[in-house]
Amino acid sequence: MENVLMSWSGGKDSTLALHAILKNKDYRIAALLTTVTEDYDRISMHGVRRVLLERQVAALGFPLEQVLIPKNASNVAYEANMGQALAKYKEQGITSVVFGDIFLEDLKHYREEKLATLGMKGIFPLWKRDTRELAQSLITLGFHAITTCVDTQTLGQQFVGRVINEQFLSDLPPTVDACGENGEYHSFVYDGPIFKEKIACTPGEIVLRDNRFCYCDLLPD
């Protein structure tokens, strides 16, 4: 059985990828790796408070590796910090990282290229799966997720702070990918079959940043 690192955002795609890997007896999760914007103390892009991330990962039962980056970090800064974290695990003999990517070829290529420089490789358990079926499976499997960020250039701000359920998927415009794979929305999973306990949280203030990204601040209960 191979020990692997899991790239973790706290959202539905990461969760579905983790769920798939846990069913595969060839792999064992060594840790979940999350990028945290230190100025905001939140998961990068998703905008979820670090305390909720830590509770979530504890409920999943895995170690958490946090990669801290400054706000508005350049690619150079991001890659340097991420490279340091990955190198630490490479020294421990871990050579594979699991990602929840579905169909973005350029992103997959970027990840594989960067990993190759460290002598590592990527594992993509959701690759080329139908995104509508994946989004439906999140609900069918019993996971509970809430949207924490929407890109208002592609999706109305009324979609932020909503639970991802049948009605949510039905309400999505046909131009929007069901899993938000193009960055239309991000989410936080707070309960499900692989969780030891539910992460208690309540939707709070909704804020528009950069005149584009609309965030729902999840408050820990």
N, C-alpha and C. Protein backbone atom coordinates (compact mmCIF):
# COMPACT_ATOMS: atom_id res chain seq x y z
N MET A 1 0.85 -1.20 0.00
CA MET A 1 0.00 0.00 0.00
C MET A 1 0.88 1.25 0.00
N GLU A 2 0.57 2.17 -0.91
CA GLU A 2 1.39 3.38 -1.06
C GLU A 2 0.85 4.53 -0.22
N ASN A 3 1.72 5.18 0.53
CA ASN A 3 1.34 6.39 1.26
C ASN A 3 1.31 7.57 0.28
N VAL A 4 0.23 8.33 0.31
CA VAL A 4 0.08 9.46 -0.61
C VAL A 4 -0.35 10.70 0.16
N LEU A 5 -0.11 11.85 -0.45
CA LEU A 5 -0.51 13.14 0.08
C LEU A 5 -1.78 13.56 -0.65
N MET A 6 -2.71 14.19 0.06
CA MET A 6 -3.97 14.62 -0.55
C MET A 6 -4.01 16.14 -0.62
N SER A 7 -4.14 16.69 -1.84
CA SER A 7 -4.33 18.13 -2.00
C SER A 7 -5.75 18.45 -1.57
N TRP A 8 -5.88 19.32 -0.55
CA TRP A 8 -7.17 19.48 0.12
C TRP A 8 -7.61 20.94 0.16
N SER A 9 -8.80 21.21 -0.36
CA SER A 9 -9.36 22.57 -0.30
C SER A 9 -10.50 22.67 0.70
N GLY A 10 -10.97 21.53 1.17
CA GLY A 10 -12.12 21.51 2.06
C GLY A 10 -13.44 21.44 1.33
N GLY A 11 -13.39 21.50 -0.02
CA GLY A 11 -14.60 21.52 -0.83
C GLY A 11 -15.01 20.17 -1.36
N LYS A 12 -16.06 20.20 -2.19
CA LYS A 12 -16.68 18.96 -2.65
C LYS A 12 -15.78 18.11 -3.54
N ASP A 13 -15.01 18.72 -4.44
CA ASP A 13 -14.16 17.92 -5.33
C ASP A 13 -13.06 17.20 -4.56
N SER A 14 -12.45 17.90 -3.61
CA SER A 14 -11.45 17.26 -2.76
C SER A 14 -12.08 16.10 -1.99
N THR A 15 -13.28 16.34 -1.49
CA THR A 15 -13.97 15.32 -0.70
C THR A 15 -14.30 14.09 -1.53
N LEU A 16 -14.79 14.30 -2.74
CA LEU A 16 -15.11 13.17 -3.61
C LEU A 16 -13.85 12.41 -4.03
N ALA A 17 -12.75 13.14 -4.24
CA ALA A 17 -11.49 12.49 -4.57
C ALA A 17 -10.98 11.68 -3.38
N LEU A 18 -11.08 12.25 -2.18
CA LEU A 18 -10.67 11.54 -0.97
C LEU A 18 -11.52 10.28 -0.78
N HIS A 19 -12.82 10.43 -0.97
CA HIS A 19 -13.73 9.29 -0.84
C HIS A 19 -13.33 8.17 -1.80
N ALA A 20 -12.98 8.54 -3.02
CA ALA A 20 -12.57 7.54 -4.02
C ALA A 20 -11.26 6.85 -3.62
N ILE A 21 -10.30 7.64 -3.13
CA ILE A 21 -9.01 7.07 -2.74
C ILE A 21 -9.15 6.14 -1.54
N LEU A 22 -10.02 6.51 -0.61
CA LEU A 22 -10.21 5.68 0.58
C LEU A 22 -10.81 4.31 0.23
N LYS A 23 -11.52 4.25 -0.88
CA LYS A 23 -12.09 2.96 -1.32
C LYS A 23 -11.05 2.11 -2.06
N ASN A 24 -9.95 2.77 -2.46
CA ASN A 24 -8.90 2.07 -3.20
C ASN A 24 -7.86 1.55 -2.22
N LYS A 25 -7.76 0.24 -2.09
CA LYS A 25 -6.88 -0.37 -1.10
C LYS A 25 -5.39 -0.27 -1.45
N ASP A 26 -5.10 0.36 -2.60
CA ASP A 26 -3.70 0.52 -2.99
C ASP A 26 -3.05 1.73 -2.32
N TYR A 27 -3.88 2.58 -1.69
CA TYR A 27 -3.36 3.84 -1.15
C TYR A 27 -3.74 4.04 0.31
N ARG A 28 -2.86 4.77 1.00
CA ARG A 28 -3.12 5.20 2.37
C ARG A 28 -2.81 6.70 2.44
N ILE A 29 -3.72 7.49 2.99
CA ILE A 29 -3.53 8.95 3.09
C ILE A 29 -2.57 9.28 4.22
N ALA A 30 -1.47 9.96 3.90
CA ALA A 30 -0.50 10.35 4.92
C ALA A 30 -0.89 11.68 5.57
N ALA A 31 -1.44 12.59 4.78
CA ALA A 31 -1.83 13.91 5.30
C ALA A 31 -2.66 14.63 4.25
N LEU A 32 -3.42 15.63 4.70
CA LEU A 32 -4.14 16.52 3.80
C LEU A 32 -3.37 17.83 3.73
N LEU A 33 -3.14 18.30 2.52
CA LEU A 33 -2.31 19.48 2.26
C LEU A 33 -3.19 20.64 1.80
N THR A 34 -3.20 21.73 2.57
CA THR A 34 -4.09 22.86 2.28
C THR A 34 -3.33 24.17 2.23
N THR A 35 -3.63 25.00 1.24
CA THR A 35 -3.05 26.33 1.15
C THR A 35 -3.91 27.31 1.94
N VAL A 36 -3.29 28.01 2.88
CA VAL A 36 -3.98 28.97 3.74
C VAL A 36 -3.39 30.36 3.53
N THR A 37 -4.23 31.34 3.25
CA THR A 37 -3.77 32.72 3.11
C THR A 37 -3.61 33.29 4.52
N GLU A 38 -2.36 33.50 4.92
CA GLU A 38 -2.09 33.83 6.32
C GLU A 38 -2.66 35.19 6.74
N ASP A 39 -2.72 36.15 5.83
CA ASP A 39 -3.25 37.48 6.17
C ASP A 39 -4.72 37.40 6.59
N TYR A 40 -5.45 36.48 5.96
CA TYR A 40 -6.87 36.34 6.24
C TYR A 40 -7.17 35.18 7.18
N ASP A 41 -6.19 34.27 7.37
CA ASP A 41 -6.35 33.08 8.20
C ASP A 41 -7.49 32.22 7.66
N ARG A 42 -7.50 32.09 6.34
CA ARG A 42 -8.56 31.34 5.67
C ARG A 42 -7.99 30.47 4.55
N ILE A 43 -8.75 29.43 4.19
CA ILE A 43 -8.37 28.60 3.05
C ILE A 43 -8.34 29.48 1.81
N SER A 44 -7.25 29.42 1.07
CA SER A 44 -7.09 30.25 -0.12
C SER A 44 -8.22 29.99 -1.12
N MET A 45 -8.73 31.04 -1.70
CA MET A 45 -9.84 31.05 -2.67
C MET A 45 -11.19 30.67 -2.07
N HIS A 46 -11.24 29.67 -1.23
CA HIS A 46 -12.52 29.23 -0.68
C HIS A 46 -13.00 30.16 0.43
N GLY A 47 -12.07 30.85 1.09
CA GLY A 47 -12.45 31.84 2.10
C GLY A 47 -12.96 31.27 3.41
N VAL A 48 -12.69 30.00 3.66
CA VAL A 48 -13.18 29.35 4.89
C VAL A 48 -12.17 29.55 6.02
N ARG A 49 -12.67 29.89 7.20
CA ARG A 49 -11.80 30.13 8.35
C ARG A 49 -10.95 28.90 8.68
N ARG A 50 -9.72 29.18 9.11
CA ARG A 50 -8.79 28.10 9.43
C ARG A 50 -9.34 27.17 10.52
N VAL A 51 -10.04 27.74 11.49
CA VAL A 51 -10.57 26.90 12.57
C VAL A 51 -11.54 25.85 12.04
N LEU A 52 -12.32 26.20 11.01
CA LEU A 52 -13.24 25.23 10.42
C LEU A 52 -12.48 24.17 9.62
N LEU A 53 -11.42 24.60 8.95
CA LEU A 53 -10.56 23.64 8.24
C LEU A 53 -9.99 22.63 9.23
N GLU A 54 -9.48 23.12 10.35
CA GLU A 54 -8.84 22.24 11.33
C GLU A 54 -9.86 21.27 11.94
N ARG A 55 -11.07 21.75 12.19
CA ARG A 55 -12.12 20.87 12.72
C ARG A 55 -12.53 19.83 11.68
N GLN A 56 -12.60 20.28 10.44
CA GLN A 56 -12.99 19.38 9.34
C GLN A 56 -11.98 18.24 9.20
N VAL A 57 -10.70 18.58 9.15
CA VAL A 57 -9.67 17.56 8.95
C VAL A 57 -9.58 16.64 10.17
N ALA A 58 -9.78 17.19 11.36
CA ALA A 58 -9.80 16.36 12.57
C ALA A 58 -10.95 15.36 12.50
N ALA A 59 -12.11 15.80 11.99
CA ALA A 59 -13.27 14.93 11.87
C ALA A 59 -13.05 13.84 10.83
N LEU A 60 -12.15 14.11 9.88
CA LEU A 60 -11.81 13.11 8.87
C LEU A 60 -10.74 12.15 9.38
N GLY A 61 -10.00 12.59 10.40
CA GLY A 61 -9.03 11.71 11.04
C GLY A 61 -7.66 11.65 10.40
N PHE A 62 -7.26 12.74 9.73
CA PHE A 62 -5.95 12.76 9.09
C PHE A 62 -5.12 13.94 9.59
N PRO A 63 -3.78 13.83 9.50
CA PRO A 63 -2.94 14.98 9.80
C PRO A 63 -3.18 16.08 8.76
N LEU A 64 -2.99 17.33 9.19
CA LEU A 64 -3.16 18.47 8.29
C LEU A 64 -1.82 19.18 8.09
N GLU A 65 -1.46 19.38 6.84
CA GLU A 65 -0.26 20.14 6.48
C GLU A 65 -0.73 21.45 5.86
N GLN A 66 -0.45 22.57 6.52
CA GLN A 66 -0.87 23.87 6.03
C GLN A 66 0.29 24.58 5.33
N VAL A 67 0.04 25.01 4.10
CA VAL A 67 1.02 25.79 3.36
C VAL A 67 0.56 27.24 3.41
N LEU A 68 1.31 28.07 4.14
CA LEU A 68 0.92 29.47 4.32
C LEU A 68 1.46 30.33 3.18
N ILE A 69 0.57 31.15 2.62
CA ILE A 69 0.98 32.09 1.58
C ILE A 69 0.41 33.47 1.93
N PRO A 70 1.09 34.54 1.52
CA PRO A 70 0.56 35.88 1.77
C PRO A 70 -0.57 36.20 0.79
N LYS A 71 -1.40 37.19 1.15
CA LYS A 71 -2.45 37.61 0.22
C LYS A 71 -1.80 38.15 -1.06
N ASN A 72 -2.49 37.97 -2.16
CA ASN A 72 -1.99 38.40 -3.48
C ASN A 72 -0.62 37.79 -3.78
N ALA A 73 -0.41 36.57 -3.31
CA ALA A 73 0.88 35.91 -3.53
C ALA A 73 1.13 35.69 -5.02
N SER A 74 2.36 35.91 -5.43
CA SER A 74 2.75 35.64 -6.82
C SER A 74 2.87 34.13 -7.01
N ASN A 75 2.89 33.69 -8.26
CA ASN A 75 3.10 32.27 -8.54
C ASN A 75 4.43 31.79 -7.99
N VAL A 76 5.42 32.68 -8.04
CA VAL A 76 6.76 32.32 -7.55
C VAL A 76 6.70 32.02 -6.06
N ALA A 77 6.03 32.89 -5.30
CA ALA A 77 5.91 32.69 -3.85
C ALA A 77 5.10 31.44 -3.53
N TYR A 78 4.01 31.26 -4.26
CA TYR A 78 3.17 30.08 -4.04
C TYR A 78 3.95 28.80 -4.31
N GLU A 79 4.64 28.77 -5.45
CA GLU A 79 5.36 27.56 -5.82
C GLU A 79 6.52 27.27 -4.86
N ALA A 80 7.16 28.32 -4.35
CA ALA A 80 8.26 28.13 -3.41
C ALA A 80 7.75 27.50 -2.11
N ASN A 81 6.67 28.03 -1.57
CA ASN A 81 6.12 27.51 -0.32
C ASN A 81 5.56 26.10 -0.49
N MET A 82 4.88 25.89 -1.60
CA MET A 82 4.33 24.57 -1.87
C MET A 82 5.46 23.56 -2.09
N GLY A 83 6.49 23.98 -2.80
CA GLY A 83 7.63 23.10 -3.06
C GLY A 83 8.31 22.65 -1.78
N GLN A 84 8.44 23.56 -0.82
CA GLN A 84 9.05 23.21 0.47
C GLN A 84 8.23 22.15 1.19
N ALA A 85 6.91 22.32 1.18
CA ALA A 85 6.03 21.36 1.85
C ALA A 85 6.10 19.99 1.19
N LEU A 86 6.06 19.99 -0.14
CA LEU A 86 6.11 18.72 -0.87
C LEU A 86 7.45 18.02 -0.68
N ALA A 87 8.52 18.80 -0.66
CA ALA A 87 9.86 18.23 -0.50
C ALA A 87 9.99 17.51 0.84
N LYS A 88 9.33 18.05 1.86
CA LYS A 88 9.36 17.41 3.19
C LYS A 88 8.77 16.01 3.13
N TYR A 89 7.68 15.86 2.39
CA TYR A 89 7.05 14.55 2.28
C TYR A 89 7.83 13.63 1.35
N LYS A 90 8.45 14.21 0.34
CA LYS A 90 9.28 13.40 -0.55
C LYS A 90 10.42 12.75 0.24
N GLU A 91 10.98 13.50 1.19
CA GLU A 91 12.05 12.96 2.03
C GLU A 91 11.55 11.80 2.89
N GLN A 92 10.24 11.77 3.13
CA GLN A 92 9.65 10.67 3.90
C GLN A 92 9.26 9.49 3.02
N GLY A 93 9.58 9.61 1.73
CA GLY A 93 9.29 8.52 0.80
C GLY A 93 7.95 8.60 0.10
N ILE A 94 7.25 9.73 0.27
CA ILE A 94 5.95 9.90 -0.39
C ILE A 94 6.18 10.57 -1.74
N THR A 95 5.72 9.93 -2.79
CA THR A 95 6.01 10.42 -4.14
C THR A 95 4.76 10.73 -4.96
N SER A 96 3.57 10.62 -4.35
CA SER A 96 2.34 10.87 -5.10
C SER A 96 1.44 11.83 -4.34
N VAL A 97 0.75 12.70 -5.11
CA VAL A 97 -0.20 13.64 -4.55
C VAL A 97 -1.53 13.47 -5.27
N VAL A 98 -2.61 13.37 -4.49
CA VAL A 98 -3.95 13.19 -5.04
C VAL A 98 -4.63 14.55 -5.23
N PHE A 99 -5.26 14.73 -6.39
CA PHE A 99 -5.97 15.98 -6.70
C PHE A 99 -7.41 15.69 -7.10
N GLY A 100 -8.29 16.67 -6.90
CA GLY A 100 -9.69 16.53 -7.27
C GLY A 100 -10.04 17.14 -8.61
N ASP A 101 -9.04 17.37 -9.45
CA ASP A 101 -9.30 17.96 -10.77
C ASP A 101 -10.15 17.03 -11.63
N ILE A 102 -10.96 17.63 -12.50
CA ILE A 102 -11.89 16.83 -13.30
C ILE A 102 -11.60 16.90 -14.80
N PHE A 103 -11.45 18.12 -15.35
CA PHE A 103 -11.24 18.16 -16.80
C PHE A 103 -10.33 19.28 -17.31
N LEU A 104 -9.78 20.10 -16.44
CA LEU A 104 -8.93 21.20 -16.90
C LEU A 104 -7.53 20.69 -17.25
N GLU A 105 -7.30 20.50 -18.54
CA GLU A 105 -6.05 19.91 -19.02
C GLU A 105 -4.83 20.74 -18.64
N ASP A 106 -4.94 22.08 -18.78
CA ASP A 106 -3.78 22.92 -18.48
C ASP A 106 -3.40 22.87 -17.01
N LEU A 107 -4.40 22.79 -16.14
CA LEU A 107 -4.12 22.70 -14.70
C LEU A 107 -3.48 21.36 -14.35
N LYS A 108 -3.98 20.30 -14.94
CA LYS A 108 -3.41 18.96 -14.70
C LYS A 108 -1.95 18.93 -15.18
N HIS A 109 -1.70 19.49 -16.35
CA HIS A 109 -0.35 19.53 -16.89
C HIS A 109 0.58 20.34 -15.99
N TYR A 110 0.08 21.47 -15.49
CA TYR A 110 0.86 22.31 -14.59
C TYR A 110 1.24 21.53 -13.33
N ARG A 111 0.28 20.86 -12.74
CA ARG A 111 0.55 20.09 -11.53
C ARG A 111 1.59 19.00 -11.80
N GLU A 112 1.40 18.27 -12.88
CA GLU A 112 2.31 17.16 -13.19
C GLU A 112 3.72 17.67 -13.47
N GLU A 113 3.79 18.80 -14.14
CA GLU A 113 5.10 19.39 -14.46
C GLU A 113 5.84 19.80 -13.19
N LYS A 114 5.14 20.47 -12.27
CA LYS A 114 5.76 20.92 -11.02
C LYS A 114 6.15 19.74 -10.14
N LEU A 115 5.29 18.73 -10.08
CA LEU A 115 5.59 17.55 -9.29
C LEU A 115 6.80 16.80 -9.83
N ALA A 116 6.90 16.75 -11.15
CA ALA A 116 8.01 16.02 -11.79
C ALA A 116 9.36 16.60 -11.39
N THR A 117 9.41 17.91 -11.18
CA THR A 117 10.68 18.53 -10.78
C THR A 117 11.12 18.06 -9.40
N LEU A 118 10.18 17.55 -8.62
CA LEU A 118 10.49 17.03 -7.29
C LEU A 118 10.57 15.51 -7.26
N GLY A 119 10.41 14.90 -8.43
CA GLY A 119 10.41 13.44 -8.50
C GLY A 119 9.12 12.84 -7.96
N MET A 120 8.02 13.59 -8.12
CA MET A 120 6.72 13.12 -7.65
C MET A 120 5.74 13.06 -8.81
N LYS A 121 4.57 12.47 -8.55
CA LYS A 121 3.54 12.37 -9.60
C LYS A 121 2.17 12.65 -9.01
N GLY A 122 1.21 12.92 -9.89
CA GLY A 122 -0.15 13.20 -9.46
C GLY A 122 -1.07 12.02 -9.68
N ILE A 123 -2.09 11.92 -8.83
CA ILE A 123 -3.15 10.93 -8.97
C ILE A 123 -4.46 11.71 -9.07
N PHE A 124 -5.27 11.38 -10.08
CA PHE A 124 -6.49 12.16 -10.36
C PHE A 124 -7.70 11.22 -10.43
N PRO A 125 -8.26 10.84 -9.29
CA PRO A 125 -9.34 9.84 -9.28
C PRO A 125 -10.65 10.29 -9.93
N LEU A 126 -10.85 11.60 -10.08
CA LEU A 126 -12.09 12.10 -10.69
C LEU A 126 -11.92 12.46 -12.16
N TRP A 127 -10.74 12.25 -12.72
CA TRP A 127 -10.42 12.77 -14.04
C TRP A 127 -11.38 12.25 -15.12
N LYS A 128 -11.95 13.20 -15.86
CA LYS A 128 -12.85 12.97 -16.99
C LYS A 128 -14.20 12.36 -16.59
N ARG A 129 -14.50 12.39 -15.29
CA ARG A 129 -15.84 11.96 -14.87
C ARG A 129 -16.85 13.04 -15.28
N ASP A 130 -18.06 12.64 -15.55
CA ASP A 130 -19.12 13.58 -15.90
C ASP A 130 -19.43 14.46 -14.68
N THR A 131 -19.32 15.77 -14.83
CA THR A 131 -19.44 16.65 -13.67
C THR A 131 -20.87 16.69 -13.10
N ARG A 132 -21.85 16.54 -13.95
CA ARG A 132 -23.23 16.51 -13.44
C ARG A 132 -23.44 15.26 -12.58
N GLU A 133 -22.88 14.14 -13.03
CA GLU A 133 -22.99 12.90 -12.25
C GLU A 133 -22.19 13.01 -10.95
N LEU A 134 -21.04 13.65 -11.01
CA LEU A 134 -20.23 13.83 -9.80
C LEU A 134 -20.96 14.68 -8.78
N ALA A 135 -21.53 15.80 -9.23
CA ALA A 135 -22.27 16.67 -8.32
C ALA A 135 -23.46 15.93 -7.71
N GLN A 136 -24.11 15.12 -8.51
CA GLN A 136 -25.24 14.34 -8.01
C GLN A 136 -24.76 13.31 -7.00
N SER A 137 -23.60 12.71 -7.26
CA SER A 137 -23.09 11.67 -6.36
C SER A 137 -22.76 12.24 -4.98
N LEU A 138 -22.34 13.51 -4.93
CA LEU A 138 -22.07 14.16 -3.65
C LEU A 138 -23.31 14.09 -2.76
N ILE A 139 -24.45 14.36 -3.37
CA ILE A 139 -25.73 14.36 -2.64
C ILE A 139 -26.15 12.93 -2.32
N THR A 140 -26.06 12.06 -3.32
CA THR A 140 -26.49 10.67 -3.16
C THR A 140 -25.69 9.93 -2.09
N LEU A 141 -24.40 10.23 -2.02
CA LEU A 141 -23.53 9.57 -1.04
C LEU A 141 -23.78 10.07 0.38
N GLY A 142 -24.47 11.20 0.50
CA GLY A 142 -24.79 11.72 1.82
C GLY A 142 -23.85 12.79 2.35
N PHE A 143 -23.10 13.42 1.45
CA PHE A 143 -22.25 14.53 1.88
C PHE A 143 -23.08 15.81 1.96
N HIS A 144 -22.69 16.68 2.88
CA HIS A 144 -23.38 17.97 3.04
C HIS A 144 -22.36 19.09 2.82
N ALA A 145 -22.65 19.95 1.86
CA ALA A 145 -21.72 21.03 1.50
C ALA A 145 -22.48 22.32 1.31
N ILE A 146 -21.76 23.42 1.52
CA ILE A 146 -22.33 24.75 1.34
C ILE A 146 -21.38 25.58 0.48
N THR A 147 -21.92 26.41 -0.39
CA THR A 147 -21.08 27.25 -1.23
C THR A 147 -20.52 28.41 -0.39
N THR A 148 -19.23 28.66 -0.54
CA THR A 148 -18.56 29.70 0.24
C THR A 148 -18.06 30.86 -0.61
N CYS A 149 -18.00 30.65 -1.92
CA CYS A 149 -17.51 31.69 -2.83
C CYS A 149 -18.11 31.48 -4.21
N VAL A 150 -18.55 32.55 -4.85
CA VAL A 150 -18.96 32.46 -6.25
C VAL A 150 -18.26 33.57 -7.03
N ASP A 151 -17.95 33.25 -8.26
CA ASP A 151 -17.38 34.23 -9.18
C ASP A 151 -18.57 34.91 -9.87
N THR A 152 -18.83 36.15 -9.50
CA THR A 152 -20.03 36.83 -10.00
C THR A 152 -19.96 37.14 -11.49
N GLN A 153 -18.81 36.90 -12.11
CA GLN A 153 -18.74 37.06 -13.57
C GLN A 153 -19.42 35.90 -14.29
N THR A 154 -19.62 34.80 -13.56
CA THR A 154 -20.23 33.63 -14.19
C THR A 154 -21.47 33.12 -13.46
N LEU A 155 -21.64 33.53 -12.18
CA LEU A 155 -22.74 33.01 -11.38
C LEU A 155 -23.24 34.10 -10.42
N GLY A 156 -24.54 34.22 -10.29
CA GLY A 156 -25.11 35.26 -9.44
C GLY A 156 -24.78 35.07 -7.97
N GLN A 157 -24.67 36.18 -7.25
CA GLN A 157 -24.28 36.10 -5.85
C GLN A 157 -25.34 35.43 -4.98
N GLN A 158 -26.53 35.25 -5.52
CA GLN A 158 -27.57 34.55 -4.76
C GLN A 158 -27.24 33.06 -4.58
N PHE A 159 -26.20 32.59 -5.27
CA PHE A 159 -25.80 31.19 -5.14
C PHE A 159 -24.78 30.97 -4.02
N VAL A 160 -24.28 32.03 -3.41
CA VAL A 160 -23.31 31.86 -2.33
C VAL A 160 -24.06 31.65 -1.01
N GLY A 161 -23.50 30.79 -0.16
CA GLY A 161 -24.13 30.49 1.12
C GLY A 161 -25.27 29.50 1.01
N ARG A 162 -25.35 28.81 -0.14
CA ARG A 162 -26.42 27.83 -0.33
C ARG A 162 -25.92 26.41 -0.14
N VAL A 163 -26.76 25.58 0.40
CA VAL A 163 -26.46 24.15 0.52
C VAL A 163 -26.52 23.53 -0.87
N ILE A 164 -25.57 22.66 -1.16
CA ILE A 164 -25.55 21.99 -2.46
C ILE A 164 -26.49 20.78 -2.38
N ASN A 165 -27.65 20.95 -2.97
CA ASN A 165 -28.65 19.88 -2.99
C ASN A 165 -29.29 19.82 -4.38
N GLU A 166 -30.34 19.03 -4.49
CA GLU A 166 -31.00 18.87 -5.80
C GLU A 166 -31.48 20.21 -6.34
N GLN A 167 -32.04 21.04 -5.47
CA GLN A 167 -32.55 22.33 -5.91
C GLN A 167 -31.43 23.22 -6.40
N PHE A 168 -30.31 23.20 -5.70
CA PHE A 168 -29.16 24.00 -6.11
C PHE A 168 -28.71 23.61 -7.51
N LEU A 169 -28.56 22.32 -7.76
CA LEU A 169 -28.12 21.86 -9.08
C LEU A 169 -29.14 22.22 -10.15
N SER A 170 -30.40 22.14 -9.81
CA SER A 170 -31.46 22.48 -10.75
C SER A 170 -31.45 23.97 -11.10
N ASP A 171 -31.08 24.79 -10.12
CA ASP A 171 -31.10 26.24 -10.31
C ASP A 171 -29.87 26.77 -11.06
N LEU A 172 -28.81 25.97 -11.15
CA LEU A 172 -27.61 26.44 -11.83
C LEU A 172 -27.90 26.75 -13.30
N PRO A 173 -27.43 27.88 -13.81
CA PRO A 173 -27.59 28.18 -15.24
C PRO A 173 -26.90 27.12 -16.09
N PRO A 174 -27.41 26.84 -17.28
CA PRO A 174 -26.82 25.80 -18.14
C PRO A 174 -25.38 26.10 -18.56
N THR A 175 -24.97 27.37 -18.47
CA THR A 175 -23.61 27.74 -18.85
C THR A 175 -22.59 27.46 -17.74
N VAL A 176 -23.09 27.13 -16.56
CA VAL A 176 -22.22 26.90 -15.40
C VAL A 176 -21.99 25.41 -15.20
N ASP A 177 -20.72 25.02 -15.02
CA ASP A 177 -20.42 23.62 -14.78
C ASP A 177 -21.01 23.17 -13.45
N ALA A 178 -21.57 21.98 -13.43
CA ALA A 178 -22.26 21.49 -12.23
C ALA A 178 -21.34 21.43 -11.02
N CYS A 179 -20.05 21.16 -11.25
CA CYS A 179 -19.09 21.10 -10.15
C CYS A 179 -18.31 22.40 -9.99
N GLY A 180 -18.66 23.41 -10.79
CA GLY A 180 -17.92 24.66 -10.71
C GLY A 180 -16.46 24.49 -11.09
N GLU A 181 -16.20 23.57 -12.00
CA GLU A 181 -14.81 23.23 -12.35
C GLU A 181 -14.07 24.40 -12.99
N ASN A 182 -14.81 25.33 -13.58
CA ASN A 182 -14.17 26.51 -14.17
C ASN A 182 -14.02 27.65 -13.17
N GLY A 183 -14.21 27.35 -11.90
CA GLY A 183 -14.06 28.37 -10.86
C GLY A 183 -15.32 29.15 -10.57
N GLU A 184 -16.47 28.67 -11.08
CA GLU A 184 -17.72 29.40 -10.88
C GLU A 184 -18.10 29.50 -9.40
N TYR A 185 -17.81 28.43 -8.65
CA TYR A 185 -18.11 28.47 -7.21
C TYR A 185 -17.19 27.52 -6.46
N HIS A 186 -17.05 27.79 -5.15
CA HIS A 186 -16.26 26.93 -4.26
C HIS A 186 -17.13 26.58 -3.06
N SER A 187 -16.73 25.54 -2.34
CA SER A 187 -17.61 25.03 -1.29
C SER A 187 -16.84 24.52 -0.07
N PHE A 188 -17.60 24.21 0.97
CA PHE A 188 -17.05 23.62 2.19
C PHE A 188 -17.95 22.45 2.56
N VAL A 189 -17.34 21.28 2.74
CA VAL A 189 -18.10 20.09 3.11
C VAL A 189 -18.04 19.94 4.63
N TYR A 190 -19.21 19.87 5.26
CA TYR A 190 -19.24 19.86 6.72
C TYR A 190 -19.76 18.56 7.33
N ASP A 191 -20.16 17.61 6.49
CA ASP A 191 -20.62 16.32 7.02
C ASP A 191 -20.67 15.31 5.87
N GLY A 192 -20.70 14.05 6.25
CA GLY A 192 -20.77 13.01 5.24
C GLY A 192 -20.30 11.67 5.75
N PRO A 193 -20.34 10.64 4.90
CA PRO A 193 -20.05 9.27 5.33
C PRO A 193 -18.62 9.02 5.80
N ILE A 194 -17.67 9.87 5.43
CA ILE A 194 -16.30 9.66 5.88
C ILE A 194 -15.93 10.56 7.06
N PHE A 195 -16.90 11.33 7.56
CA PHE A 195 -16.68 12.21 8.71
C PHE A 195 -17.03 11.48 10.02
N LYS A 196 -16.21 11.70 11.04
CA LYS A 196 -16.50 11.14 12.36
C LYS A 196 -17.59 11.95 13.06
N GLU A 197 -17.69 13.22 12.71
CA GLU A 197 -18.73 14.08 13.28
C GLU A 197 -19.00 15.25 12.34
N LYS A 198 -20.15 15.84 12.49
CA LYS A 198 -20.54 16.99 11.69
C LYS A 198 -19.79 18.24 12.17
N ILE A 199 -19.38 19.08 11.21
CA ILE A 199 -18.72 20.34 11.54
C ILE A 199 -19.81 21.40 11.68
N ALA A 200 -20.04 21.84 12.91
CA ALA A 200 -21.12 22.81 13.15
C ALA A 200 -20.70 24.20 12.69
N CYS A 201 -21.46 24.76 11.78
CA CYS A 201 -21.16 26.10 11.28
C CYS A 201 -22.44 26.75 10.78
N THR A 202 -22.44 28.08 10.76
CA THR A 202 -23.61 28.86 10.36
C THR A 202 -23.21 29.91 9.33
N PRO A 203 -23.97 30.07 8.24
CA PRO A 203 -23.66 31.13 7.28
C PRO A 203 -23.74 32.50 7.93
N GLY A 204 -22.72 33.33 7.70
CA GLY A 204 -22.69 34.66 8.27
C GLY A 204 -22.74 35.73 7.19
N GLU A 205 -21.90 36.74 7.34
CA GLU A 205 -21.90 37.89 6.43
C GLU A 205 -21.50 37.50 5.01
N ILE A 206 -22.15 38.12 4.05
CA ILE A 206 -21.79 37.93 2.64
C ILE A 206 -21.07 39.19 2.16
N VAL A 207 -19.87 38.99 1.58
CA VAL A 207 -19.00 40.12 1.22
C VAL A 207 -18.53 39.97 -0.23
N LEU A 208 -18.52 41.07 -0.96
CA LEU A 208 -18.00 41.09 -2.33
C LEU A 208 -16.57 41.60 -2.30
N ARG A 209 -15.63 40.84 -2.85
CA ARG A 209 -14.22 41.21 -2.88
C ARG A 209 -13.78 41.44 -4.33
N ASP A 210 -12.93 42.42 -4.53
CA ASP A 210 -12.37 42.73 -5.84
C ASP A 210 -13.46 42.97 -6.89
N ASN A 211 -14.62 43.39 -6.41
CA ASN A 211 -15.76 43.65 -7.29
C ASN A 211 -16.10 42.46 -8.18
N ARG A 212 -15.79 41.25 -7.65
CA ARG A 212 -16.00 40.05 -8.45
C ARG A 212 -16.38 38.82 -7.62
N PHE A 213 -15.59 38.52 -6.60
CA PHE A 213 -15.80 37.28 -5.84
C PHE A 213 -16.67 37.54 -4.61
N CYS A 214 -17.75 36.81 -4.54
CA CYS A 214 -18.70 36.97 -3.43
C CYS A 214 -18.51 35.82 -2.45
N TYR A 215 -18.19 36.18 -1.20
CA TYR A 215 -17.91 35.19 -0.16
C TYR A 215 -19.00 35.17 0.89
N CYS A 216 -19.29 33.96 1.38
CA CYS A 216 -20.15 33.80 2.55
C CYS A 216 -19.26 33.35 3.70
N ASP A 217 -19.20 34.15 4.74
CA ASP A 217 -18.36 33.84 5.89
C ASP A 217 -19.05 32.79 6.76
N LEU A 218 -18.48 31.58 6.82
CA LEU A 218 -19.03 30.54 7.67
C LEU A 218 -18.53 30.74 9.09
N LEU A 219 -19.46 30.77 10.03
CA LEU A 219 -19.11 30.99 11.43
C LEU A 219 -19.14 29.66 12.18
N PRO A 220 -18.06 29.34 12.89
CA PRO A 220 -18.07 28.10 13.68
C PRO A 220 -19.04 28.19 14.83
N ASP A 221 -19.84 27.15 15.04
CA ASP A 221 -20.80 27.12 16.15
C ASP A 221 -20.12 26.55 17.41
